[in-house]
Protein backbone atom coordinates (compact mmCIF):
# COMPACT_ATOMS: atom_id res chain seq x y z
CA MET A 1 15.36 10.83 -17.28
CA THR A 2 13.60 14.19 -17.33
CA PRO A 3 10.80 14.26 -14.72
CA SER A 4 7.27 14.91 -15.90
CA ILE A 5 5.14 17.83 -14.72
CA PRO A 6 3.04 15.65 -12.34
CA GLU A 7 6.24 14.31 -10.81
CA VAL A 8 7.53 17.85 -10.23
CA LEU A 9 4.23 19.00 -8.72
CA ALA A 10 4.29 16.01 -6.36
CA LEU A 11 7.39 17.53 -4.72
CA PHE A 12 5.28 20.31 -3.15
CA ALA A 13 2.93 20.05 -0.18
CA ARG A 14 0.80 23.00 -1.33
CA VAL A 15 0.78 22.99 -5.10
CA TRP A 16 -1.78 25.81 -5.22
CA MET A 17 0.91 28.18 -3.86
CA LEU A 18 3.04 27.82 -7.00
CA PRO A 19 0.80 29.92 -9.30
CA VAL A 20 0.31 32.35 -6.40
CA ALA A 21 4.09 32.65 -6.03
CA LEU A 22 4.58 33.20 -9.76
CA GLY A 23 1.77 35.75 -9.90
CA GLY A 24 3.08 37.57 -6.83
CA ALA A 25 6.59 37.74 -8.27
CA MET A 26 5.31 39.13 -11.56
CA LEU A 27 3.16 41.67 -9.68
CA VAL A 28 6.10 42.89 -7.58
CA ALA A 29 8.33 43.21 -10.65
CA TRP A 30 5.56 44.99 -12.60
CA ILE A 31 4.99 47.48 -9.78
CA GLY A 32 8.72 48.27 -9.72
CA TRP A 33 8.88 48.74 -13.47
CA ARG A 34 5.65 50.77 -13.47
CA THR A 35 6.87 53.06 -10.70
CA ASP A 36 10.13 53.74 -12.53
CA ALA A 37 8.28 54.37 -15.80
CA ARG A 38 5.96 56.91 -14.16
CA ARG A 39 8.92 58.63 -12.53
CA ARG A 40 10.78 58.86 -15.81
CA SER A 41 7.62 60.17 -17.50
CA ARG A 42 7.31 62.98 -14.96
CA LEU A 43 10.99 63.85 -15.34
CA ALA A 44 10.67 63.93 -19.13
CA LYS A 45 8.12 66.73 -18.81
CA LEU A 46 10.66 68.86 -16.98
CA GLY A 47 13.65 68.37 -19.26
CA GLU A 48 16.35 65.94 -20.29
CA ILE A 49 16.17 62.83 -18.12
CA PRO A 50 19.98 62.27 -17.74
CA VAL A 51 20.41 65.88 -16.55
CA LEU A 52 17.43 65.77 -14.19
CA GLU A 53 18.52 62.43 -12.69
CA ARG A 54 21.78 64.06 -11.66
CA LEU A 55 19.84 66.94 -10.08
CA VAL A 56 17.05 64.84 -8.52
CA PRO A 57 18.57 61.73 -6.89
CA ARG A 58 16.58 58.51 -6.64
CA ARG A 59 15.14 57.42 -3.30
CA ASN A 60 17.15 54.21 -3.64
CA ALA A 61 20.69 55.16 -4.51
CA GLY A 62 21.79 51.56 -4.74
CA LEU A 63 20.34 49.34 -7.44
CA PRO A 64 18.87 50.77 -10.65
CA PRO A 65 15.07 50.80 -10.40
CA ARG A 66 14.45 48.10 -12.99
CA VAL A 67 17.17 45.86 -11.59
CA ARG A 68 15.66 46.36 -8.14
CA ALA A 69 12.27 45.32 -9.52
CA VAL A 70 13.78 42.06 -10.81
CA VAL A 71 15.55 41.45 -7.47
CA LEU A 72 12.38 41.99 -5.43
CA GLY A 73 10.33 39.89 -7.85
CA THR A 74 12.83 37.04 -7.54
CA ALA A 75 12.73 37.32 -3.74
CA ALA A 76 8.93 37.17 -3.81
CA LEU A 77 9.07 34.09 -6.06
CA CYS A 78 11.49 32.32 -3.70
CA LEU A 79 9.29 33.16 -0.71
CA GLY A 80 6.24 31.77 -2.47
CA ILE A 81 8.01 28.54 -3.41
CA ALA A 82 9.21 28.15 0.20
CA ILE A 83 5.63 28.54 1.44
CA ALA A 84 4.53 25.89 -1.10
CA GLY A 85 6.45 23.35 0.99
CA PRO A 86 9.04 21.78 -1.32
CA ARG A 87 10.20 18.36 -0.19
CA TRP A 88 12.22 15.59 -1.76
CA GLY A 89 14.24 12.70 -0.47
CA GLU A 90 13.27 10.60 2.54
CA ARG A 91 14.22 10.44 6.18
CA ALA A 92 13.44 7.23 8.02
CA GLU A 93 11.67 7.74 11.33
CA ARG A 94 12.65 5.21 13.96
CA ARG A 95 11.14 4.94 17.41
CA ARG A 96 11.75 2.90 20.53
CA ASP A 97 9.08 0.76 22.13
CA ILE A 98 8.65 -2.60 23.79
CA GLY A 99 7.10 -5.54 22.01
CA VAL A 100 6.75 -9.30 21.81
CA ASP A 101 7.15 -11.95 19.15
CA MET A 102 3.69 -13.02 18.06
CA ALA A 103 2.39 -15.59 15.57
CA LEU A 104 -1.12 -15.10 14.20
CA VAL A 105 -2.82 -18.28 13.00
CA LEU A 106 -5.62 -17.08 10.71
CA ASP A 107 -8.46 -19.27 9.49
CA VAL A 108 -9.09 -18.69 5.77
CA SER A 109 -11.37 -21.67 5.17
CA ALA A 110 -14.59 -21.27 3.20
CA SER A 111 -16.66 -21.15 6.39
CA MET A 112 -15.06 -17.78 7.21
CA LEU A 113 -16.99 -16.28 4.28
CA ALA A 114 -20.25 -16.78 6.16
CA GLN A 115 -22.07 -13.61 7.19
CA ASP A 116 -23.63 -14.21 10.60
CA ASP A 117 -25.02 -10.71 11.05
CA GLY A 118 -24.59 -7.21 9.73
CA GLY A 119 -23.62 -8.35 6.25
CA VAL A 120 -19.92 -8.58 7.20
CA SER A 121 -18.18 -11.92 6.78
CA ARG A 122 -16.20 -13.59 9.54
CA LEU A 123 -13.09 -13.18 7.39
CA GLU A 124 -13.51 -9.41 7.12
CA ARG A 125 -14.11 -9.12 10.87
CA MET A 126 -10.93 -11.07 11.49
CA LYS A 127 -8.93 -8.85 9.10
CA GLY A 128 -10.21 -5.74 10.86
CA ASP A 129 -9.22 -7.13 14.26
CA VAL A 130 -5.72 -7.96 13.03
CA ARG A 131 -5.27 -4.46 11.62
CA ARG A 132 -6.35 -2.82 14.88
CA LEU A 133 -4.11 -5.17 16.85
CA LEU A 134 -1.10 -4.22 14.71
CA VAL A 135 -1.81 -0.53 15.29
CA THR A 136 -1.81 -0.98 19.07
CA MET A 137 1.41 -3.05 19.04
CA PRO A 138 3.78 -1.17 16.69
CA ALA A 139 6.95 -2.74 18.10
CA ALA A 140 5.76 -6.34 17.93
CA ARG A 141 7.36 -8.78 15.52
CA VAL A 142 4.52 -10.67 13.88
CA ALA A 143 4.32 -13.81 11.76
CA LEU A 144 1.24 -14.68 9.72
CA LEU A 145 0.13 -18.28 9.21
CA VAL A 146 -3.02 -19.27 7.34
CA VAL A 147 -4.98 -22.48 7.75
CA ALA A 148 -7.63 -24.16 5.67
CA GLY A 149 -7.30 -27.81 4.66
CA ARG A 150 -3.61 -27.40 5.43
CA SER A 151 -1.50 -24.66 6.98
CA TYR A 152 1.48 -22.72 5.78
CA ILE A 153 3.55 -19.73 6.80
CA LEU A 154 2.56 -16.57 4.99
CA THR A 155 5.29 -14.37 6.52
CA PRO A 156 8.07 -15.08 9.01
CA LEU A 157 8.49 -12.91 12.11
CA THR A 158 8.77 -9.34 10.88
CA ALA A 159 8.40 -5.82 12.24
CA ASP A 160 7.34 -4.53 8.81
CA HIS A 161 3.65 -3.99 9.51
CA ASP A 162 3.12 -2.38 6.11
CA ALA A 163 4.06 -5.67 4.46
CA LEU A 164 1.67 -7.49 6.79
CA GLU A 165 -1.11 -5.14 5.67
CA LEU A 166 -0.52 -6.18 2.07
CA PHE A 167 -0.77 -9.86 2.94
CA LEU A 168 -3.96 -9.20 4.89
CA ASP A 169 -5.50 -7.63 1.81
CA GLY A 170 -4.93 -10.86 -0.10
CA LEU A 171 -6.41 -13.25 2.47
CA ASP A 172 -8.98 -15.41 0.74
CA PRO A 173 -10.06 -19.07 0.88
CA GLY A 174 -8.74 -19.46 -2.66
CA MET A 175 -5.15 -19.01 -1.49
CA VAL A 176 -5.14 -22.52 0.06
CA SER A 177 -5.85 -25.26 -2.44
CA GLN A 178 -7.38 -27.70 0.05
CA GLY A 179 -10.66 -27.17 1.90
CA GLY A 180 -11.30 -27.67 5.59
CA THR A 181 -9.71 -26.19 8.72
CA ALA A 182 -6.46 -27.77 9.95
CA LEU A 183 -6.15 -25.96 13.30
CA ALA A 184 -3.82 -28.58 14.77
CA SER A 185 -1.38 -28.15 11.89
CA GLY A 186 -1.50 -24.35 12.21
CA VAL A 187 -0.84 -24.41 15.96
CA SER A 188 2.05 -26.87 15.53
CA GLN A 189 3.63 -24.83 12.75
CA ALA A 190 3.33 -21.60 14.75
CA THR A 191 4.91 -23.29 17.78
CA GLN A 192 7.88 -24.39 15.68
CA LEU A 193 8.21 -20.94 14.14
CA LEU A 194 8.25 -19.18 17.52
CA GLY A 195 10.62 -21.80 18.87
CA VAL A 196 13.50 -20.43 16.79
CA SER A 197 13.00 -16.86 18.09
CA GLN A 198 16.03 -15.81 20.15
CA ASP A 199 14.97 -12.24 20.86
CA GLY A 200 14.87 -12.59 24.63
CA GLY A 201 11.22 -11.65 25.14
CA ASP A 202 8.17 -13.80 25.68
CA ARG A 203 6.28 -15.20 22.71
CA ALA A 204 2.59 -15.20 21.94
CA LEU A 205 0.39 -17.39 19.77
CA VAL A 206 -2.97 -15.98 18.67
CA VAL A 207 -5.44 -18.30 16.93
CA MET A 208 -8.30 -16.56 15.10
CA SER A 209 -10.97 -18.91 13.73
CA ASP A 210 -14.62 -19.89 13.87
CA GLY A 211 -13.46 -23.14 15.47
CA GLU A 212 -15.22 -25.33 12.91
CA THR A 213 -12.60 -27.97 12.22
CA TRP A 214 -12.59 -31.59 11.13
CA ASP A 215 -9.33 -32.33 12.94
CA ASP A 216 -9.26 -35.13 15.48
CA GLU A 217 -9.60 -33.78 19.04
CA GLY A 218 -6.48 -35.68 20.00
CA GLU A 219 -4.43 -33.92 17.31
CA ILE A 220 -5.60 -30.53 18.52
CA ALA A 221 -4.86 -31.41 22.15
CA THR A 222 -1.37 -32.63 21.22
CA ALA A 223 -0.63 -29.43 19.31
CA ALA A 224 -1.92 -27.30 22.19
CA GLN A 225 0.18 -29.22 24.72
CA ALA A 226 3.28 -28.63 22.57
CA ALA A 227 2.53 -24.90 22.62
CA ARG A 228 2.25 -25.01 26.40
CA ASP A 229 5.51 -26.94 26.71
CA ALA A 230 7.16 -24.23 24.58
CA ARG A 231 5.96 -21.66 27.17
CA LEU A 232 3.89 -19.73 24.66
CA ALA A 233 1.16 -17.34 25.74
CA VAL A 234 -1.89 -18.47 23.78
CA VAL A 235 -4.98 -16.43 22.95
CA THR A 236 -7.83 -17.89 20.90
CA VAL A 237 -10.42 -15.65 19.26
CA GLY A 238 -13.73 -17.01 18.00
CA TYR A 239 -15.87 -15.74 15.14
CA GLY A 240 -19.38 -16.59 14.05
CA SER A 241 -22.48 -17.61 15.97
CA ALA A 242 -23.94 -20.82 17.32
CA ILE A 243 -27.02 -20.27 15.14
CA GLY A 244 -24.92 -20.55 12.02
CA ALA A 245 -25.08 -19.13 8.52
CA THR A 246 -24.78 -20.26 4.92
CA ILE A 247 -21.56 -19.94 2.92
CA PRO A 248 -21.81 -17.76 -0.20
CA VAL A 249 -20.08 -18.94 -3.36
CA SER A 250 -18.91 -17.05 -6.42
CA GLY A 251 -21.55 -16.54 -9.05
CA GLY A 252 -24.34 -16.33 -6.48
CA GLY A 253 -25.99 -18.98 -4.40
CA VAL A 254 -24.66 -20.84 -1.38
CA LYS A 255 -22.39 -23.80 -0.78
CA ARG A 256 -24.11 -27.20 -0.69
CA ASP A 257 -23.09 -30.53 0.74
CA MET A 258 -22.90 -33.87 -1.08
CA ASP A 259 -26.67 -34.35 -0.64
CA GLY A 260 -27.43 -31.01 -2.28
CA GLN A 261 -28.48 -29.34 0.97
CA PRO A 262 -27.24 -25.85 1.91
CA VAL A 263 -24.27 -25.97 4.26
CA ILE A 264 -24.87 -24.26 7.61
CA THR A 265 -21.59 -23.36 9.29
CA LYS A 266 -21.67 -22.74 13.04
CA ALA A 267 -19.05 -21.36 15.38
CA ASN A 268 -17.42 -24.01 17.54
CA ALA A 269 -16.28 -22.15 20.64
CA GLN A 270 -15.61 -25.42 22.49
CA THR A 271 -12.59 -26.20 20.29
CA LEU A 272 -11.04 -22.77 20.84
CA GLU A 273 -11.83 -22.83 24.57
CA GLY A 274 -10.18 -26.24 24.76
CA ILE A 275 -6.96 -24.91 23.22
CA ALA A 276 -6.97 -21.98 25.66
CA ARG A 277 -7.64 -24.29 28.62
CA ILE A 278 -4.81 -26.71 27.77
CA THR A 279 -2.32 -23.87 27.29
CA ASP A 280 -3.53 -21.80 30.30
CA GLY A 281 -4.39 -19.16 27.76
CA VAL A 282 -7.31 -16.82 27.16
CA PHE A 283 -10.37 -17.28 24.97
CA VAL A 284 -11.98 -14.15 23.47
CA ASP A 285 -15.54 -14.61 22.23
CA GLY A 286 -16.26 -13.24 18.78
CA VAL A 287 -19.28 -11.28 20.04
CA ALA A 288 -17.18 -9.43 22.63
CA ALA A 289 -16.56 -5.73 22.14
CA ASP A 290 -13.03 -4.48 21.44
CA ARG A 291 -11.53 -7.87 20.65
CA PRO A 292 -8.07 -6.40 19.80
CA GLY A 293 -8.06 -4.63 23.18
CA ARG A 294 -8.83 -7.89 24.97
CA ILE A 295 -6.02 -9.65 23.10
CA ARG A 296 -3.57 -6.91 24.06
CA ALA A 297 -4.75 -7.04 27.68
CA ALA A 298 -4.12 -10.79 27.74
CA LEU A 299 -0.56 -10.23 26.51
CA ARG A 300 0.33 -7.44 28.98
CA ARG A 301 1.77 -9.87 31.50
CA LEU A 302 4.38 -11.03 29.00
CA ARG A 303 8.00 -10.04 29.34
CA GLN A 304 8.63 -7.66 26.46
CA THR A 305 11.89 -6.49 24.91
CA GLU A 306 12.80 -2.98 23.86
CA ARG A 307 13.05 -2.55 20.11
CA VAL A 308 13.79 0.18 17.66
CA TYR A 309 11.18 -0.07 14.94
CA ASN A 310 10.58 1.74 11.69
CA ALA A 311 7.70 4.20 12.08
CA GLY A 312 7.68 5.00 8.37
CA ALA A 313 9.49 7.51 6.22
CA SER A 314 8.85 11.21 5.91
CA PRO A 315 9.96 13.51 3.11
CA ILE A 316 12.81 15.92 3.84
CA GLN A 317 11.54 19.50 3.93
CA ARG A 318 13.53 21.76 1.58
CA TYR A 319 11.88 25.15 2.15
CA ALA A 320 15.18 26.62 3.39
CA VAL A 321 16.68 26.12 -0.08
CA PHE A 322 14.34 28.87 -1.32
CA LEU A 323 13.90 30.86 1.89
CA TRP A 324 17.55 31.80 2.28
CA PRO A 325 17.98 33.21 -1.27
CA ALA A 326 14.91 35.39 -0.65
CA PHE A 327 16.41 36.60 2.62
CA VAL A 328 19.77 37.36 0.97
CA LEU A 329 18.13 39.31 -1.88
CA LEU A 330 16.04 41.38 0.53
CA LEU A 331 19.07 41.99 2.72
CA LEU A 332 21.10 43.08 -0.31
CA ASP A 333 18.37 45.50 -1.36
CA ALA A 334 18.16 46.88 2.17
CA MET A 335 21.92 47.38 2.45
CA LEU A 336 22.01 49.32 -0.81
CA ALA A 337 18.88 51.29 -0.08
CA GLU A 338 18.85 54.90 1.03
CA ARG A 339 19.16 54.98 4.83
CA SER A 340 16.17 57.13 5.42
CA ARG A 341 13.72 56.56 8.25
CA ARG A 342 11.11 55.15 5.91
CA ALA A 343 13.64 52.80 4.28
CA ARG A 344 14.70 51.52 7.70
CA GLN A 345 11.07 50.89 8.58
CA HIS A 346 10.67 48.87 5.40
CA VAL A 347 13.78 46.84 6.21
CA GLN A 348 12.58 46.17 9.76
CA LEU A 349 9.17 45.13 8.47
CA ALA A 350 10.71 42.75 5.93
CA ALA A 351 12.96 41.25 8.61
CA LEU A 352 10.00 40.75 10.96
CA MET A 353 8.03 39.08 8.19
CA LEU A 354 10.92 36.70 7.47
CA VAL A 355 11.41 35.87 11.14
CA ALA A 356 7.68 35.18 11.51
CA LEU A 357 7.56 33.19 8.28
CA MET A 358 10.49 30.85 8.98
CA PRO A 359 9.06 29.01 12.03
CA GLY A 360 5.57 29.11 10.57
CA THR A 361 6.78 27.54 7.36
CA ALA A 362 8.65 24.91 9.33
CA VAL A 363 5.58 24.00 11.34
CA SER A 364 3.29 23.93 8.33
CA ALA A 365 5.82 21.92 6.36
CA GLN A 366 6.06 19.41 9.18
CA SER A 367 2.28 19.12 9.34
CA ALA A 368 2.11 18.62 5.58
CA ARG A 369 4.04 15.37 5.61
CA SER A 370 2.25 12.96 3.45
CA GLY A 371 4.69 10.08 3.26
CA PRO A 372 7.09 9.08 0.53
CA ASP A 373 6.09 9.60 -3.08
CA ALA A 374 4.38 6.50 -4.44
CA MET A 375 5.79 6.79 -7.96
CA ASP A 376 9.33 7.28 -6.66
CA LEU A 377 8.98 4.12 -4.58
CA TYR A 378 7.69 2.27 -7.65
CA ARG A 379 10.65 3.37 -9.76
CA GLN A 380 12.95 2.20 -6.95
CA ARG A 381 11.23 -1.21 -7.18
CA LYS A 382 9.91 -0.90 -3.62
CA PHE A 383 6.58 -2.26 -4.76
CA ALA A 384 5.08 -3.11 -1.37
CA GLU A 385 5.82 0.39 -0.04
CA SER A 386 4.58 1.91 -3.28
CA ALA A 387 1.29 0.04 -2.97
CA GLN A 388 0.89 1.34 0.57
CA ALA A 389 1.54 4.90 -0.62
CA PHE A 390 -0.99 4.59 -3.45
CA ARG A 391 -3.50 3.10 -0.99
CA ARG A 392 -3.03 6.10 1.30
CA ARG A 393 -3.79 8.38 -1.65
CA VAL A 394 -7.02 6.50 -2.31
CA GLN A 395 -7.96 6.60 1.38
CA ASP A 396 -7.27 10.34 1.42
CA GLY A 397 -9.86 10.88 -1.28
CA ASP A 398 -8.16 10.14 -4.61
CA ARG A 399 -10.98 8.31 -6.39
CA SER A 400 -9.64 8.91 -9.88
CA LEU A 401 -9.37 5.99 -12.28
CA ARG A 402 -5.64 6.60 -12.63
CA GLY A 403 -5.20 6.50 -8.87
CA LEU A 404 -7.00 3.15 -8.65
CA TYR A 405 -5.04 1.84 -11.65
CA ASN A 406 -1.74 2.82 -10.02
CA LEU A 407 -2.78 1.04 -6.81
CA GLY A 408 -3.73 -2.12 -8.70
CA THR A 409 -0.49 -2.11 -10.70
CA ALA A 410 1.64 -1.66 -7.56
CA LEU A 411 -0.24 -4.47 -5.79
CA LEU A 412 0.39 -6.70 -8.79
CA GLU A 413 4.13 -6.02 -8.65
CA ALA A 414 4.07 -6.61 -4.88
CA ASP A 415 2.81 -10.16 -5.57
CA SER A 416 -0.65 -9.39 -4.18
CA ALA A 417 -2.42 -10.65 -7.28
CA ALA A 418 -5.76 -11.26 -5.54
CA ALA A 419 -5.94 -7.70 -4.19
CA ALA A 420 -4.72 -6.33 -7.54
CA THR A 421 -7.50 -8.22 -9.33
CA ASP A 422 -10.18 -6.56 -7.20
CA VAL A 423 -8.81 -3.04 -7.78
CA LEU A 424 -8.16 -3.46 -11.51
CA ASP A 425 -11.59 -4.99 -12.02
CA ARG A 426 -13.12 -1.81 -10.56
CA VAL A 427 -11.11 0.29 -13.02
CA VAL A 428 -12.18 -1.86 -15.97
CA THR A 429 -15.83 -1.69 -14.92
CA ILE A 430 -16.10 2.12 -14.91
CA ALA A 431 -13.35 3.24 -17.29
CA PRO A 432 -14.28 4.39 -20.81
CA ASP A 433 -12.62 2.83 -23.86
CA THR A 434 -9.29 4.60 -23.44
CA ASP A 435 -5.63 3.69 -23.17
CA LEU A 436 -6.06 3.45 -19.40
CA ARG A 437 -8.79 0.83 -19.78
CA PHE A 438 -6.60 -1.19 -22.14
CA ARG A 439 -3.73 -1.19 -19.65
CA ALA A 440 -6.06 -2.09 -16.80
CA LEU A 441 -7.40 -5.04 -18.82
CA PHE A 442 -3.86 -6.10 -19.71
CA ASN A 443 -2.76 -6.06 -16.07
CA LEU A 444 -6.00 -7.72 -14.97
CA GLY A 445 -5.21 -10.59 -17.31
CA LEU A 446 -1.68 -10.76 -15.94
CA ALA A 447 -2.99 -10.82 -12.36
CA ASN A 448 -5.21 -13.78 -13.18
CA LEU A 449 -2.30 -15.57 -14.86
CA ARG A 450 -0.24 -15.15 -11.70
CA ARG A 451 -3.10 -16.37 -9.53
CA ALA A 452 -3.40 -19.43 -11.77
CA ARG A 453 0.31 -20.06 -11.33
CA GLY A 454 -0.11 -20.27 -7.56
CA ALA A 455 -3.21 -22.47 -7.65
CA SER A 456 -3.65 -26.20 -8.06
CA ALA A 457 -4.57 -27.69 -11.43
CA THR A 458 -8.29 -27.74 -10.65
CA GLU A 459 -8.41 -24.28 -9.08
CA ALA A 460 -6.37 -22.65 -11.85
CA ALA A 461 -9.12 -23.08 -14.47
CA PRO A 462 -11.28 -20.07 -13.47
CA PHE A 463 -8.20 -17.84 -13.31
CA TYR A 464 -7.13 -18.84 -16.83
CA SER A 465 -10.70 -18.23 -18.03
CA ALA A 466 -10.68 -14.78 -16.46
CA ALA A 467 -7.31 -14.03 -18.06
CA VAL A 468 -8.62 -15.08 -21.48
CA ALA A 469 -11.67 -12.86 -21.06
CA ALA A 470 -9.54 -9.89 -20.00
CA TYR A 471 -7.16 -10.17 -22.96
CA LYS A 472 -10.03 -10.59 -25.42
CA ARG A 473 -11.61 -7.41 -24.09
CA ALA A 474 -8.24 -5.66 -24.28
CA LEU A 475 -7.86 -6.66 -27.93
CA ARG A 476 -11.27 -5.18 -28.70
CA THR A 477 -9.86 -1.85 -27.51
CA ARG A 478 -6.50 -2.21 -29.26
CA THR A 479 -6.76 -4.92 -31.90
CA ASP A 480 -3.15 -4.83 -33.09
CA ASP A 481 -1.30 -5.07 -29.77
CA PRO A 482 1.17 -7.97 -30.11
CA ASP A 483 1.71 -8.43 -26.38
CA ALA A 484 -1.97 -8.80 -25.61
CA LYS A 485 -2.15 -11.39 -28.40
CA TRP A 486 0.81 -13.28 -26.99
CA ASN A 487 -0.57 -13.33 -23.45
CA LEU A 488 -3.96 -14.39 -24.80
CA GLU A 489 -2.28 -17.30 -26.57
CA LEU A 490 -0.49 -18.20 -23.34
CA ALA A 491 -3.72 -18.17 -21.35
CA LEU A 492 -5.56 -20.20 -24.00
CA ARG A 493 -2.79 -22.77 -24.10
CA GLU A 494 -2.95 -23.25 -20.34
CA GLN A 495 -6.73 -23.29 -20.43
CA GLN A 496 -6.59 -26.16 -22.93
CA LYS A 497 -4.25 -28.08 -20.62
CA ASN A 498 -6.86 -27.67 -17.89
CA GLY A 499 -9.67 -28.90 -20.11
CA GLY A 500 -11.18 -26.02 -22.08
CA GLY A 501 -10.76 -23.16 -24.57
CA GLY A 502 -8.99 -22.88 -27.88
CA GLY A 503 -7.65 -20.47 -30.49
CA GLY A 504 -5.00 -17.81 -30.02
CA GLY A 505 -2.71 -15.29 -31.64
CA GLY A 506 0.91 -14.31 -31.97
CA GLY A 507 3.12 -11.48 -30.86
CA GLY A 508 5.70 -11.13 -28.16
CA GLN A 509 7.49 -7.79 -28.27
CA GLN A 510 8.13 -5.66 -25.19
CA PRO A 511 4.79 -4.26 -23.99
CA PRO A 512 4.25 -0.57 -23.27
CA PRO A 513 5.04 0.47 -19.67
CA PRO A 514 2.11 0.92 -17.31
CA ASN A 515 1.52 3.92 -15.10
CA PRO A 516 3.54 4.41 -12.96
CA PRO A 517 6.36 3.49 -15.39
CA PRO A 518 8.43 0.48 -14.31
CA SER A 519 11.54 -0.90 -15.90
CA LYS A 520 11.02 -2.45 -19.32
CA GLY A 521 9.65 -5.94 -19.14
CA GLN A 522 8.76 -5.74 -15.48
CA GLN A 523 5.01 -5.26 -15.68
CA GLN A 524 3.93 -7.55 -18.53
CA LEU A 525 5.11 -10.85 -19.96
CA ASP A 526 7.47 -11.17 -22.85
CA LYS A 527 7.97 -14.61 -24.43
CA GLN A 528 10.90 -15.62 -22.24
CA ARG A 529 9.17 -14.56 -19.06
CA ALA A 530 5.92 -16.25 -20.05
CA GLU A 531 7.77 -19.52 -20.65
CA ALA A 532 9.44 -19.08 -17.26
CA VAL A 533 6.01 -18.73 -15.67
CA LEU A 534 4.85 -21.97 -17.30
CA ASN A 535 7.99 -23.88 -16.39
CA SER A 536 7.92 -22.63 -12.81
CA ALA A 537 4.24 -23.50 -12.42
CA ALA A 538 4.83 -27.02 -13.73
CA ARG A 539 7.89 -27.46 -11.52
CA ASP A 540 6.06 -26.23 -8.42
CA GLU A 541 3.15 -28.59 -9.06
CA ARG A 542 5.51 -31.56 -9.51
CA GLU A 543 7.32 -30.71 -6.28
CA VAL A 544 4.07 -30.46 -4.34
CA GLN A 545 2.79 -33.78 -5.65
CA THR A 546 6.13 -35.52 -5.00
CA ARG A 547 6.30 -34.19 -1.46
CA ARG A 548 2.75 -35.27 -0.73
CA GLN A 549 3.39 -38.78 -2.00
CA ARG A 550 6.70 -39.09 -0.17
CA ASP A 551 5.56 -37.80 3.20
CA GLY A 552 2.02 -39.12 3.04
CA GLN A 553 0.70 -35.75 4.12
CA ARG A 554 -2.13 -35.30 1.68
CA ARG A 555 -5.24 -34.53 3.66
CA GLU A 556 -8.78 -35.32 2.59
CA ALA A 557 -11.70 -33.39 4.07
CA SER A 558 -13.89 -35.68 6.18
CA ALA A 559 -16.85 -37.05 4.24
CA GLY A 560 -16.44 -34.43 1.53
CA ARG A 561 -16.61 -31.52 4.00
CA ASP A 562 -14.31 -28.85 2.60
CA TRP A 563 -15.33 -25.79 4.57
């Protein structure tokens, strides 16, 4: 496939040098041609040019003047392109460091949405602490577990911190269908997960929560004792305040209890201190400064193992591909030039410039590393890495609608539907009625369909409603799109199963590719894939219900308390 102009420009660290290089090459060639034309004009005044050229030799007895102008112009062009910093391909950077195996048990219950002070929720504070902790421990293998009314493993032990970042972005109380805070279950599951680690180093369990749980104290003590018996280093981190705060809900307002009174959620440091005491661990108060630093300090005594970890990928610098042809052309011109003192000075000056330019270009090219190209990663179906690359572009100042759209689309393909919904919703809000807005609405509807697929029957309803709204808005922009009609019909059908909605349309051909362009059929739903979504959702729900009935593990929040 022929690359587009933006894709070609993305191969250069300093795109602004390309027009400078082209202009410089044209200027050098024009000067050569102009000099020869003026010389020939002066000779024409004295007589026949062929005769005079035999009598008055040129200063450069090698190349013809106009050929020399082309050669020098080409050399100038190659030099300019080399300075522009061409780079393509990737080179993995691997480093050695020591690290531990660590399981993070993260509380994503509704109480973590409370904002005790500063307008920042407990959940966002916890996410920030995890991110800073990952930065300070690059060689650690980390597993993420989330707890609300029940616990489950979000990621197994992995050294891919970029993937962990993506999962952190999607942390939300809505990802666990049951309310409450099952700390005992989370600690037990993390203990079992770390128990299978055979890496040779010590293992750490970090519990991050506000401590407000409806678990029986005996269950928590039993889980903590099992962690101690497994010789895990345990750190508990508390969030929130003893004064408490209300829990915001979507659509405005605050969460209320069964009596209609606002729920006040308070931090329960005693529970977290109890876990730390039983396990001979460390408790870090949520009001303490530098919480990630305190966690790392508590883990310093652990026996760590040396690991080679992936520090990311950097593009391969290709400036030499253009620098050497420029050097050869200049050397050829010098060898054929008249060996006068002035010519030798010019050759020496050109050589000095090349020698000075080569290390300078290398250093500047190294400093211009900006990571792998996001669109290349997307085409290679490395969606998680592509999302990280697009996020870096946004963090570096790319606030364009297309940049945000690309980030949302990559997050959607990386199965981070919640994070994709937030980004795409921003695009839809500020984008004019263009093709980009239609695609953003289409993908926003798809993101909500995927979120509905992963939710329980009761929690799926708002996601189906949001998908219906998105596809209706998309059809106002492009009324004849068959794929938007088909997905609208799909969302309406599922909405009816959940107790609402009606109507629908037809369609079902392959939808247009989003930007960046994936493989056909990858970004949107065709009929077969839509049916697969429905069948998988129904199958997953049946399996969950069967397992709950068989094992008797369905948990009910105490007295209706689901936060």
